[in-house]
Amino acid sequence: MFLVRGIEFSYEAVRDWEAKLTPSLIDSLRRQRKGRIGRSWYVDETYIKVQGRWCYVYRAIDRHGALVDVRFSETRDIKAAKAFFRSAKMVTGITPARVTTDGHDGYPRAIRTELGDSVKHRTNRYLNNRIEQDHRGVKGRYGPMRGFKSPDSASRFGRGFDELRNHLYPRSRRGNNIPTNSRRQRFLQRGIKALRIMAAA
């Protein structure tokens, strides 16, 4: 599309744009979500390859599928789990009433330490299918990329992709269907808003 319009640029230019614009887009979209997330969180981690080795992306959504937070980590341990919950609480401005996870050993202690003893922690693989299915969006985009060459670019991808996907995708509560024309209109409006954020960066 660019070549047809007489615009030529290198892959390096695209990488420079991504490094410059993605953090501004992430910060703006994260600020908009503060205080708007539900109090039932579904948390899990998925795998991505960085410099030929597997690393982790901790992700959480609420019961309606809205993004809570995303955090890249080179390790899967209690320290990473604590950092994730600390970040999620700061970004959303909310302490959840309950958190559903898999059987990862680091979660119970991380939840107690960062969120408090009053938060109900559930471990049930069937209940956590919600977040497992949500990983498909990330995996579908990450698959053709064949991994990353640095932790910084992997972290930017994790946050940037999920924030933009959450911003563009119109979500509805169960039993409350959004007509196709309304979905299209919302997508266009939110797309224009994202472009304005990047233009101002």
N, C-alpha and C. Protein backbone atom coordinates (compact mmCIF):
# COMPACT_ATOMS: atom_id res chain seq x y z
N MET A 1 0.83 -1.20 0.00
CA MET A 1 0.00 0.00 0.00
C MET A 1 0.87 1.26 0.00
N PHE A 2 1.96 1.21 0.73
CA PHE A 2 2.86 2.38 0.76
C PHE A 2 3.57 2.58 -0.57
N LEU A 3 4.02 1.46 -1.17
CA LEU A 3 4.75 1.56 -2.44
C LEU A 3 3.87 2.14 -3.55
N VAL A 4 2.59 1.75 -3.56
CA VAL A 4 1.65 2.28 -4.56
C VAL A 4 1.55 3.79 -4.44
N ARG A 5 1.70 4.29 -3.21
CA ARG A 5 1.61 5.73 -2.96
C ARG A 5 2.97 6.44 -3.06
N GLY A 6 3.99 5.70 -3.49
CA GLY A 6 5.30 6.31 -3.69
C GLY A 6 6.09 6.50 -2.41
N ILE A 7 5.73 5.77 -1.34
CA ILE A 7 6.44 5.90 -0.06
C ILE A 7 7.30 4.66 0.14
N GLU A 8 8.59 4.87 0.33
CA GLU A 8 9.52 3.76 0.55
C GLU A 8 10.23 3.95 1.89
N PHE A 9 10.39 2.88 2.63
CA PHE A 9 11.14 2.92 3.88
C PHE A 9 11.69 1.52 4.18
N SER A 10 12.67 1.46 5.07
CA SER A 10 13.34 0.20 5.37
C SER A 10 12.71 -0.48 6.58
N TYR A 11 13.08 -1.74 6.80
CA TYR A 11 12.64 -2.46 7.99
C TYR A 11 13.12 -1.76 9.26
N GLU A 12 14.33 -1.16 9.16
CA GLU A 12 14.88 -0.46 10.32
C GLU A 12 14.01 0.73 10.71
N ALA A 13 13.43 1.40 9.71
CA ALA A 13 12.52 2.53 9.99
C ALA A 13 11.30 2.05 10.76
N VAL A 14 10.78 0.89 10.36
CA VAL A 14 9.60 0.32 11.06
C VAL A 14 9.96 -0.01 12.50
N ARG A 15 11.14 -0.58 12.71
CA ARG A 15 11.59 -0.90 14.08
C ARG A 15 11.73 0.37 14.92
N ASP A 16 12.26 1.43 14.30
CA ASP A 16 12.40 2.71 15.02
C ASP A 16 11.03 3.27 15.40
N TRP A 17 10.07 3.20 14.47
CA TRP A 17 8.72 3.68 14.77
C TRP A 17 8.12 2.89 15.93
N GLU A 18 8.30 1.57 15.88
CA GLU A 18 7.74 0.71 16.94
C GLU A 18 8.34 1.05 18.30
N ALA A 19 9.67 1.24 18.34
CA ALA A 19 10.34 1.54 19.60
C ALA A 19 9.93 2.91 20.14
N LYS A 20 9.66 3.87 19.25
CA LYS A 20 9.31 5.22 19.67
C LYS A 20 7.82 5.35 20.04
N LEU A 21 6.94 4.78 19.20
CA LEU A 21 5.51 5.03 19.35
C LEU A 21 4.79 4.08 20.30
N THR A 22 5.25 2.83 20.38
CA THR A 22 4.54 1.85 21.21
C THR A 22 4.46 2.25 22.68
N PRO A 23 5.55 2.71 23.32
CA PRO A 23 5.42 3.10 24.73
C PRO A 23 4.40 4.21 24.97
N SER A 24 4.33 5.19 24.07
CA SER A 24 3.35 6.28 24.22
C SER A 24 1.92 5.75 24.11
N LEU A 25 1.71 4.85 23.15
CA LEU A 25 0.39 4.26 22.97
C LEU A 25 -0.01 3.43 24.20
N ILE A 26 0.93 2.63 24.70
CA ILE A 26 0.66 1.79 25.87
C ILE A 26 0.28 2.66 27.07
N ASP A 27 1.09 3.67 27.36
CA ASP A 27 0.84 4.53 28.53
C ASP A 27 -0.52 5.20 28.46
N SER A 28 -0.89 5.69 27.28
CA SER A 28 -2.17 6.37 27.13
C SER A 28 -3.34 5.42 27.32
N LEU A 29 -3.27 4.24 26.70
CA LEU A 29 -4.36 3.28 26.81
C LEU A 29 -4.47 2.71 28.22
N ARG A 30 -3.35 2.51 28.89
CA ARG A 30 -3.38 2.00 30.27
C ARG A 30 -4.04 3.01 31.21
N ARG A 31 -3.76 4.30 31.00
CA ARG A 31 -4.38 5.33 31.85
C ARG A 31 -5.90 5.34 31.70
N GLN A 32 -6.38 5.09 30.49
CA GLN A 32 -7.82 5.10 30.24
C GLN A 32 -8.55 3.96 30.95
N ARG A 33 -7.84 2.87 31.24
CA ARG A 33 -8.49 1.70 31.86
C ARG A 33 -8.58 1.80 33.39
N LYS A 34 -7.91 2.76 33.98
CA LYS A 34 -7.85 2.83 35.44
C LYS A 34 -9.25 2.95 36.04
N GLY A 35 -9.57 2.08 36.98
CA GLY A 35 -10.85 2.11 37.67
C GLY A 35 -12.01 1.51 36.90
N ARG A 36 -11.75 0.95 35.71
CA ARG A 36 -12.84 0.43 34.87
C ARG A 36 -12.85 -1.09 34.74
N ILE A 37 -12.04 -1.76 35.51
CA ILE A 37 -11.90 -3.22 35.40
C ILE A 37 -12.75 -3.90 36.46
N GLY A 38 -13.30 -5.07 36.12
CA GLY A 38 -14.09 -5.86 37.07
C GLY A 38 -13.24 -6.41 38.21
N ARG A 39 -13.89 -6.91 39.25
CA ARG A 39 -13.16 -7.37 40.44
C ARG A 39 -13.00 -8.88 40.50
N SER A 40 -13.27 -9.55 39.38
CA SER A 40 -12.99 -10.98 39.27
C SER A 40 -11.97 -11.17 38.16
N TRP A 41 -10.75 -11.59 38.54
CA TRP A 41 -9.65 -11.67 37.59
C TRP A 41 -9.31 -13.12 37.27
N TYR A 42 -8.93 -13.35 36.01
CA TYR A 42 -8.46 -14.66 35.55
C TYR A 42 -7.02 -14.48 35.07
N VAL A 43 -6.11 -15.19 35.71
CA VAL A 43 -4.67 -14.96 35.51
C VAL A 43 -3.99 -16.23 35.00
N ASP A 44 -3.10 -16.06 34.05
CA ASP A 44 -2.32 -17.18 33.53
C ASP A 44 -1.10 -16.63 32.81
N GLU A 45 -0.16 -17.49 32.49
CA GLU A 45 1.00 -17.06 31.72
C GLU A 45 1.09 -17.91 30.45
N THR A 46 1.60 -17.30 29.39
CA THR A 46 1.82 -18.02 28.14
C THR A 46 3.28 -17.86 27.74
N TYR A 47 3.70 -18.64 26.75
CA TYR A 47 5.11 -18.71 26.40
C TYR A 47 5.40 -17.97 25.10
N ILE A 48 6.54 -17.28 25.06
CA ILE A 48 7.07 -16.73 23.80
C ILE A 48 8.58 -16.97 23.80
N LYS A 49 9.16 -17.05 22.61
CA LYS A 49 10.59 -17.35 22.51
C LYS A 49 11.38 -16.06 22.29
N VAL A 50 12.41 -15.88 23.12
CA VAL A 50 13.29 -14.71 23.02
C VAL A 50 14.73 -15.19 22.95
N GLN A 51 15.42 -14.81 21.90
CA GLN A 51 16.82 -15.23 21.67
C GLN A 51 16.96 -16.75 21.77
N GLY A 52 15.97 -17.45 21.23
CA GLY A 52 16.03 -18.91 21.18
C GLY A 52 15.62 -19.64 22.43
N ARG A 53 15.22 -18.93 23.49
CA ARG A 53 14.77 -19.62 24.71
C ARG A 53 13.39 -19.14 25.11
N TRP A 54 12.67 -20.02 25.80
CA TRP A 54 11.29 -19.72 26.17
C TRP A 54 11.22 -18.77 27.36
N CYS A 55 10.41 -17.74 27.23
CA CYS A 55 10.14 -16.81 28.32
C CYS A 55 8.62 -16.75 28.51
N TYR A 56 8.16 -15.88 29.40
CA TYR A 56 6.76 -15.91 29.82
C TYR A 56 6.10 -14.54 29.71
N VAL A 57 4.83 -14.56 29.36
CA VAL A 57 4.01 -13.35 29.38
C VAL A 57 2.86 -13.61 30.34
N TYR A 58 2.90 -12.93 31.49
CA TYR A 58 1.80 -13.03 32.46
C TYR A 58 0.66 -12.14 31.97
N ARG A 59 -0.56 -12.68 31.94
CA ARG A 59 -1.72 -11.94 31.46
C ARG A 59 -2.90 -12.15 32.39
N ALA A 60 -3.77 -11.16 32.44
CA ALA A 60 -5.00 -11.28 33.23
C ALA A 60 -6.13 -10.54 32.54
N ILE A 61 -7.33 -11.12 32.60
CA ILE A 61 -8.54 -10.47 32.11
C ILE A 61 -9.60 -10.52 33.22
N ASP A 62 -10.64 -9.69 33.09
CA ASP A 62 -11.73 -9.78 34.06
C ASP A 62 -12.82 -10.71 33.51
N ARG A 63 -13.93 -10.83 34.21
CA ARG A 63 -14.95 -11.82 33.83
C ARG A 63 -15.62 -11.48 32.50
N HIS A 64 -15.52 -10.24 32.05
CA HIS A 64 -16.11 -9.85 30.76
C HIS A 64 -15.08 -9.87 29.63
N GLY A 65 -13.85 -10.30 29.92
CA GLY A 65 -12.81 -10.40 28.90
C GLY A 65 -11.97 -9.16 28.72
N ALA A 66 -12.23 -8.12 29.52
CA ALA A 66 -11.44 -6.88 29.42
C ALA A 66 -10.04 -7.12 30.00
N LEU A 67 -9.05 -6.51 29.39
CA LEU A 67 -7.67 -6.67 29.83
C LEU A 67 -7.45 -6.05 31.20
N VAL A 68 -6.79 -6.80 32.09
CA VAL A 68 -6.37 -6.27 33.38
C VAL A 68 -4.94 -5.78 33.28
N ASP A 69 -4.02 -6.67 32.92
CA ASP A 69 -2.62 -6.26 32.74
C ASP A 69 -1.85 -7.34 32.01
N VAL A 70 -0.69 -6.95 31.50
CA VAL A 70 0.24 -7.85 30.80
C VAL A 70 1.64 -7.53 31.30
N ARG A 71 2.43 -8.57 31.55
CA ARG A 71 3.82 -8.33 31.98
C ARG A 71 4.72 -9.44 31.47
N PHE A 72 5.80 -9.05 30.80
CA PHE A 72 6.79 -10.01 30.30
C PHE A 72 7.75 -10.37 31.42
N SER A 73 8.14 -11.64 31.47
CA SER A 73 9.12 -12.08 32.46
C SER A 73 9.99 -13.18 31.86
N GLU A 74 11.28 -13.14 32.19
CA GLU A 74 12.19 -14.18 31.72
C GLU A 74 12.12 -15.42 32.60
N THR A 75 11.45 -15.30 33.75
CA THR A 75 11.34 -16.44 34.66
C THR A 75 9.86 -16.66 35.04
N ARG A 76 9.58 -17.87 35.52
CA ARG A 76 8.24 -18.21 36.01
C ARG A 76 8.39 -18.63 37.46
N ASP A 77 8.34 -17.65 38.37
CA ASP A 77 8.55 -17.91 39.78
C ASP A 77 7.75 -16.93 40.62
N ILE A 78 7.91 -17.00 41.93
CA ILE A 78 7.13 -16.15 42.82
C ILE A 78 7.48 -14.67 42.64
N LYS A 79 8.73 -14.37 42.35
CA LYS A 79 9.14 -12.99 42.14
C LYS A 79 8.40 -12.39 40.93
N ALA A 80 8.31 -13.15 39.85
CA ALA A 80 7.61 -12.69 38.65
C ALA A 80 6.11 -12.53 38.92
N ALA A 81 5.53 -13.47 39.68
CA ALA A 81 4.10 -13.40 40.01
C ALA A 81 3.81 -12.17 40.86
N LYS A 82 4.68 -11.88 41.83
CA LYS A 82 4.50 -10.69 42.68
C LYS A 82 4.57 -9.41 41.84
N ALA A 83 5.56 -9.35 40.95
CA ALA A 83 5.72 -8.17 40.10
C ALA A 83 4.49 -7.97 39.22
N PHE A 84 3.91 -9.07 38.74
CA PHE A 84 2.73 -8.97 37.90
C PHE A 84 1.54 -8.40 38.68
N PHE A 85 1.26 -8.95 39.86
CA PHE A 85 0.12 -8.47 40.65
C PHE A 85 0.31 -7.03 41.12
N ARG A 86 1.56 -6.68 41.44
CA ARG A 86 1.85 -5.31 41.84
C ARG A 86 1.56 -4.34 40.68
N SER A 87 1.98 -4.74 39.48
CA SER A 87 1.74 -3.92 38.29
C SER A 87 0.24 -3.84 37.98
N ALA A 88 -0.47 -4.96 38.07
CA ALA A 88 -1.90 -4.99 37.77
C ALA A 88 -2.69 -4.10 38.72
N LYS A 89 -2.33 -4.13 39.98
CA LYS A 89 -3.03 -3.30 40.97
C LYS A 89 -2.77 -1.82 40.71
N MET A 90 -1.54 -1.48 40.34
CA MET A 90 -1.18 -0.09 40.07
C MET A 90 -1.89 0.42 38.81
N VAL A 91 -1.92 -0.39 37.76
CA VAL A 91 -2.52 0.02 36.49
C VAL A 91 -4.03 0.20 36.61
N THR A 92 -4.70 -0.74 37.26
CA THR A 92 -6.16 -0.71 37.33
C THR A 92 -6.69 0.17 38.46
N GLY A 93 -5.90 0.35 39.52
CA GLY A 93 -6.38 1.07 40.69
C GLY A 93 -7.41 0.28 41.46
N ILE A 94 -7.44 -1.04 41.26
CA ILE A 94 -8.46 -1.91 41.85
C ILE A 94 -7.81 -3.11 42.53
N THR A 95 -8.35 -3.49 43.68
CA THR A 95 -7.99 -4.75 44.31
C THR A 95 -9.12 -5.73 44.03
N PRO A 96 -8.85 -6.85 43.38
CA PRO A 96 -9.93 -7.77 43.02
C PRO A 96 -10.54 -8.46 44.23
N ALA A 97 -11.77 -8.92 44.06
CA ALA A 97 -12.42 -9.71 45.13
C ALA A 97 -11.98 -11.17 45.04
N ARG A 98 -11.73 -11.63 43.81
CA ARG A 98 -11.27 -13.02 43.64
C ARG A 98 -10.36 -13.12 42.42
N VAL A 99 -9.44 -14.07 42.50
CA VAL A 99 -8.47 -14.30 41.41
C VAL A 99 -8.47 -15.79 41.11
N THR A 100 -8.64 -16.13 39.84
CA THR A 100 -8.63 -17.53 39.40
C THR A 100 -7.35 -17.79 38.63
N THR A 101 -6.61 -18.82 39.04
CA THR A 101 -5.33 -19.14 38.40
C THR A 101 -5.23 -20.65 38.16
N ASP A 102 -4.11 -21.05 37.55
CA ASP A 102 -3.81 -22.48 37.47
C ASP A 102 -3.05 -22.87 38.74
N GLY A 103 -2.35 -23.99 38.71
CA GLY A 103 -1.70 -24.49 39.92
C GLY A 103 -0.28 -23.98 40.13
N HIS A 104 0.13 -22.92 39.46
CA HIS A 104 1.47 -22.35 39.62
C HIS A 104 1.75 -22.06 41.10
N ASP A 105 2.85 -22.61 41.62
CA ASP A 105 3.17 -22.53 43.05
C ASP A 105 3.33 -21.10 43.56
N GLY A 106 3.74 -20.18 42.68
CA GLY A 106 4.01 -18.82 43.13
C GLY A 106 2.77 -17.97 43.36
N TYR A 107 1.62 -18.37 42.79
CA TYR A 107 0.43 -17.52 42.86
C TYR A 107 -0.14 -17.31 44.27
N PRO A 108 -0.34 -18.36 45.08
CA PRO A 108 -0.97 -18.13 46.38
C PRO A 108 -0.25 -17.10 47.24
N ARG A 109 1.06 -17.24 47.36
CA ARG A 109 1.83 -16.32 48.19
C ARG A 109 1.87 -14.92 47.57
N ALA A 110 2.00 -14.85 46.24
CA ALA A 110 2.02 -13.54 45.56
C ALA A 110 0.71 -12.80 45.76
N ILE A 111 -0.41 -13.51 45.70
CA ILE A 111 -1.72 -12.89 45.90
C ILE A 111 -1.86 -12.37 47.32
N ARG A 112 -1.46 -13.18 48.29
CA ARG A 112 -1.54 -12.74 49.69
C ARG A 112 -0.65 -11.52 49.94
N THR A 113 0.55 -11.54 49.37
CA THR A 113 1.52 -10.46 49.62
C THR A 113 1.11 -9.16 48.94
N GLU A 114 0.71 -9.24 47.67
CA GLU A 114 0.48 -8.02 46.88
C GLU A 114 -0.98 -7.55 46.90
N LEU A 115 -1.93 -8.48 47.07
CA LEU A 115 -3.35 -8.10 47.01
C LEU A 115 -4.06 -8.17 48.36
N GLY A 116 -3.51 -8.96 49.27
CA GLY A 116 -4.11 -9.04 50.61
C GLY A 116 -4.80 -10.37 50.88
N ASP A 117 -4.97 -10.67 52.17
CA ASP A 117 -5.56 -11.94 52.60
C ASP A 117 -7.05 -12.04 52.29
N SER A 118 -7.72 -10.91 52.06
CA SER A 118 -9.16 -10.93 51.84
C SER A 118 -9.54 -11.37 50.42
N VAL A 119 -8.56 -11.41 49.52
CA VAL A 119 -8.84 -11.80 48.13
C VAL A 119 -9.00 -13.31 48.05
N LYS A 120 -10.11 -13.75 47.47
CA LYS A 120 -10.38 -15.19 47.32
C LYS A 120 -9.58 -15.72 46.14
N HIS A 121 -8.80 -16.78 46.39
CA HIS A 121 -7.99 -17.38 45.33
C HIS A 121 -8.57 -18.73 44.95
N ARG A 122 -8.88 -18.89 43.67
CA ARG A 122 -9.42 -20.15 43.16
C ARG A 122 -8.43 -20.77 42.18
N THR A 123 -8.24 -22.08 42.25
CA THR A 123 -7.41 -22.79 41.27
C THR A 123 -8.28 -23.87 40.65
N ASN A 124 -8.66 -23.64 39.41
CA ASN A 124 -9.53 -24.58 38.72
C ASN A 124 -9.27 -24.43 37.22
N ARG A 125 -8.80 -25.49 36.59
CA ARG A 125 -8.42 -25.38 35.18
C ARG A 125 -9.62 -25.13 34.29
N TYR A 126 -10.81 -25.59 34.71
CA TYR A 126 -12.00 -25.36 33.89
C TYR A 126 -12.45 -23.90 33.98
N LEU A 127 -12.41 -23.33 35.19
CA LEU A 127 -12.76 -21.93 35.35
C LEU A 127 -11.75 -21.03 34.63
N ASN A 128 -10.50 -21.48 34.60
CA ASN A 128 -9.46 -20.66 33.99
C ASN A 128 -9.36 -20.82 32.48
N ASN A 129 -10.29 -21.60 31.89
CA ASN A 129 -10.32 -21.72 30.42
C ASN A 129 -10.55 -20.37 29.76
N ARG A 130 -11.17 -19.46 30.48
CA ARG A 130 -11.46 -18.13 29.94
C ARG A 130 -10.17 -17.42 29.48
N ILE A 131 -9.15 -17.42 30.34
CA ILE A 131 -7.89 -16.78 29.99
C ILE A 131 -7.08 -17.65 29.02
N GLU A 132 -7.19 -18.97 29.15
CA GLU A 132 -6.50 -19.87 28.22
C GLU A 132 -6.96 -19.61 26.79
N GLN A 133 -8.26 -19.43 26.61
CA GLN A 133 -8.79 -19.13 25.27
C GLN A 133 -8.35 -17.75 24.79
N ASP A 134 -8.23 -16.81 25.73
CA ASP A 134 -7.84 -15.45 25.37
C ASP A 134 -6.39 -15.37 24.88
N HIS A 135 -5.56 -16.36 25.27
CA HIS A 135 -4.18 -16.41 24.78
C HIS A 135 -4.12 -16.56 23.27
N ARG A 136 -5.20 -17.06 22.66
CA ARG A 136 -5.18 -17.32 21.22
C ARG A 136 -4.87 -16.06 20.41
N GLY A 137 -5.36 -14.91 20.88
CA GLY A 137 -5.10 -13.66 20.18
C GLY A 137 -3.62 -13.36 20.10
N VAL A 138 -2.92 -13.53 21.23
CA VAL A 138 -1.48 -13.29 21.27
C VAL A 138 -0.74 -14.32 20.43
N LYS A 139 -1.10 -15.59 20.59
CA LYS A 139 -0.42 -16.67 19.86
C LYS A 139 -0.60 -16.53 18.36
N GLY A 140 -1.80 -16.11 17.93
CA GLY A 140 -2.06 -15.95 16.51
C GLY A 140 -1.18 -14.89 15.87
N ARG A 141 -0.88 -13.84 16.63
CA ARG A 141 -0.02 -12.76 16.11
C ARG A 141 1.45 -13.10 16.27
N TYR A 142 1.80 -13.76 17.38
CA TYR A 142 3.20 -14.07 17.68
C TYR A 142 3.74 -15.18 16.77
N GLY A 143 2.90 -16.16 16.43
CA GLY A 143 3.34 -17.32 15.67
C GLY A 143 4.15 -16.99 14.43
N PRO A 144 3.64 -16.15 13.51
CA PRO A 144 4.40 -15.83 12.29
C PRO A 144 5.69 -15.05 12.55
N MET A 145 5.83 -14.48 13.76
CA MET A 145 7.01 -13.63 14.04
C MET A 145 8.25 -14.45 14.38
N ARG A 146 8.07 -15.72 14.75
CA ARG A 146 9.19 -16.63 15.03
C ARG A 146 10.11 -16.14 16.15
N GLY A 147 9.54 -15.53 17.15
CA GLY A 147 10.33 -15.14 18.32
C GLY A 147 10.88 -13.73 18.25
N PHE A 148 11.61 -13.35 19.31
CA PHE A 148 12.16 -11.99 19.43
C PHE A 148 13.66 -12.07 19.66
N LYS A 149 14.33 -10.95 19.36
CA LYS A 149 15.79 -10.92 19.53
C LYS A 149 16.22 -10.25 20.83
N SER A 150 15.25 -9.62 21.54
CA SER A 150 15.62 -9.00 22.82
C SER A 150 14.42 -8.99 23.75
N PRO A 151 14.66 -9.04 25.08
CA PRO A 151 13.57 -8.97 26.05
C PRO A 151 12.77 -7.68 25.95
N ASP A 152 13.44 -6.56 25.62
CA ASP A 152 12.75 -5.27 25.51
C ASP A 152 11.68 -5.30 24.41
N SER A 153 12.05 -5.84 23.24
CA SER A 153 11.07 -5.90 22.15
C SER A 153 9.94 -6.87 22.47
N ALA A 154 10.24 -7.96 23.17
CA ALA A 154 9.19 -8.91 23.58
C ALA A 154 8.23 -8.26 24.56
N SER A 155 8.77 -7.48 25.48
CA SER A 155 7.93 -6.79 26.47
C SER A 155 7.03 -5.75 25.80
N ARG A 156 7.60 -4.99 24.86
CA ARG A 156 6.81 -3.99 24.13
C ARG A 156 5.70 -4.66 23.33
N PHE A 157 6.03 -5.77 22.69
CA PHE A 157 5.02 -6.50 21.91
C PHE A 157 3.88 -6.96 22.82
N GLY A 158 4.24 -7.60 23.96
CA GLY A 158 3.22 -8.12 24.86
C GLY A 158 2.23 -7.06 25.31
N ARG A 159 2.76 -5.97 25.79
CA ARG A 159 1.89 -4.89 26.28
C ARG A 159 1.20 -4.16 25.14
N GLY A 160 1.97 -3.83 24.10
CA GLY A 160 1.40 -3.06 23.00
C GLY A 160 0.29 -3.79 22.28
N PHE A 161 0.52 -5.06 21.94
CA PHE A 161 -0.49 -5.83 21.21
C PHE A 161 -1.76 -5.98 22.04
N ASP A 162 -1.62 -6.36 23.30
CA ASP A 162 -2.79 -6.59 24.15
C ASP A 162 -3.55 -5.30 24.44
N GLU A 163 -2.83 -4.21 24.68
CA GLU A 163 -3.50 -2.94 24.95
C GLU A 163 -4.32 -2.48 23.73
N LEU A 164 -3.71 -2.57 22.54
CA LEU A 164 -4.42 -2.14 21.34
C LEU A 164 -5.58 -3.07 21.02
N ARG A 165 -5.37 -4.35 21.17
CA ARG A 165 -6.45 -5.33 20.94
C ARG A 165 -7.62 -5.07 21.87
N ASN A 166 -7.32 -4.82 23.14
CA ASN A 166 -8.37 -4.53 24.13
C ASN A 166 -9.11 -3.23 23.79
N HIS A 167 -8.35 -2.24 23.31
CA HIS A 167 -8.93 -0.94 22.98
C HIS A 167 -9.87 -1.03 21.76
N LEU A 168 -9.47 -1.79 20.75
CA LEU A 168 -10.23 -1.85 19.50
C LEU A 168 -11.42 -2.81 19.57
N TYR A 169 -11.30 -3.86 20.38
CA TYR A 169 -12.33 -4.91 20.37
C TYR A 169 -13.51 -4.52 21.25
N PRO A 170 -14.72 -4.36 20.68
CA PRO A 170 -15.88 -3.99 21.50
C PRO A 170 -16.40 -5.19 22.28
N ARG A 171 -16.43 -5.06 23.58
CA ARG A 171 -16.88 -6.17 24.43
C ARG A 171 -18.29 -5.93 24.92
N SER A 172 -19.04 -7.01 25.08
CA SER A 172 -20.41 -6.90 25.58
C SER A 172 -20.63 -7.93 26.67
N ARG A 173 -21.54 -7.62 27.57
CA ARG A 173 -21.90 -8.57 28.62
C ARG A 173 -22.73 -9.70 28.02
N ARG A 174 -22.77 -10.82 28.71
CA ARG A 174 -23.54 -11.96 28.21
C ARG A 174 -24.99 -11.57 28.01
N GLY A 175 -25.55 -11.99 26.88
CA GLY A 175 -26.94 -11.70 26.60
C GLY A 175 -27.19 -10.31 26.05
N ASN A 176 -26.11 -9.51 25.91
CA ASN A 176 -26.25 -8.14 25.41
C ASN A 176 -25.42 -8.02 24.12
N ASN A 177 -26.01 -8.47 23.00
CA ASN A 177 -25.29 -8.49 21.73
C ASN A 177 -25.21 -7.10 21.11
N ILE A 178 -24.05 -6.79 20.54
CA ILE A 178 -23.86 -5.51 19.86
C ILE A 178 -24.05 -5.73 18.36
N PRO A 179 -24.96 -4.98 17.71
CA PRO A 179 -25.17 -5.14 16.26
C PRO A 179 -23.87 -4.90 15.48
N THR A 180 -23.76 -5.54 14.33
CA THR A 180 -22.54 -5.46 13.52
C THR A 180 -22.20 -4.02 13.13
N ASN A 181 -23.20 -3.23 12.73
CA ASN A 181 -22.91 -1.85 12.33
C ASN A 181 -22.39 -1.02 13.49
N SER A 182 -22.89 -1.31 14.71
CA SER A 182 -22.40 -0.61 15.91
C SER A 182 -20.96 -1.02 16.22
N ARG A 183 -20.66 -2.31 16.05
CA ARG A 183 -19.30 -2.80 16.26
C ARG A 183 -18.33 -2.12 15.29
N ARG A 184 -18.74 -2.03 14.03
CA ARG A 184 -17.90 -1.40 13.01
C ARG A 184 -17.64 0.07 13.35
N GLN A 185 -18.69 0.76 13.77
CA GLN A 185 -18.56 2.17 14.11
C GLN A 185 -17.63 2.37 15.30
N ARG A 186 -17.78 1.53 16.33
CA ARG A 186 -16.90 1.61 17.50
C ARG A 186 -15.45 1.35 17.12
N PHE A 187 -15.25 0.33 16.26
CA PHE A 187 -13.89 -0.01 15.84
C PHE A 187 -13.24 1.18 15.12
N LEU A 188 -13.97 1.81 14.22
CA LEU A 188 -13.44 2.95 13.49
C LEU A 188 -13.11 4.12 14.41
N GLN A 189 -14.03 4.41 15.35
CA GLN A 189 -13.81 5.52 16.29
C GLN A 189 -12.58 5.27 17.16
N ARG A 190 -12.45 4.03 17.64
CA ARG A 190 -11.32 3.70 18.51
C ARG A 190 -10.01 3.65 17.72
N GLY A 191 -10.09 3.20 16.46
CA GLY A 191 -8.91 3.21 15.61
C GLY A 191 -8.40 4.61 15.36
N ILE A 192 -9.31 5.54 15.11
CA ILE A 192 -8.93 6.95 14.91
C ILE A 192 -8.30 7.51 16.18
N LYS A 193 -8.87 7.14 17.33
CA LYS A 193 -8.32 7.61 18.61
C LYS A 193 -6.89 7.11 18.81
N ALA A 194 -6.64 5.84 18.48
CA ALA A 194 -5.28 5.27 18.61
C ALA A 194 -4.31 5.99 17.69
N LEU A 195 -4.75 6.30 16.45
CA LEU A 195 -3.89 7.02 15.50
C LEU A 195 -3.56 8.41 16.00
N ARG A 196 -4.51 9.06 16.65
CA ARG A 196 -4.26 10.40 17.20
C ARG A 196 -3.23 10.34 18.32
N ILE A 197 -3.31 9.29 19.14
CA ILE A 197 -2.32 9.14 20.22
C ILE A 197 -0.91 9.03 19.65
N MET A 198 -0.78 8.22 18.59
CA MET A 198 0.55 8.02 17.98
C MET A 198 1.02 9.26 17.24
N ALA A 199 0.08 10.00 16.65
CA ALA A 199 0.45 11.23 15.94
C ALA A 199 0.99 12.28 16.91
N ALA A 200 0.47 12.26 18.15
CA ALA A 200 0.90 13.25 19.15
C ALA A 200 2.22 12.86 19.80
N ALA A 201 2.65 11.59 19.63
CA ALA A 201 3.86 11.10 20.32
C ALA A 201 5.14 11.72 19.76
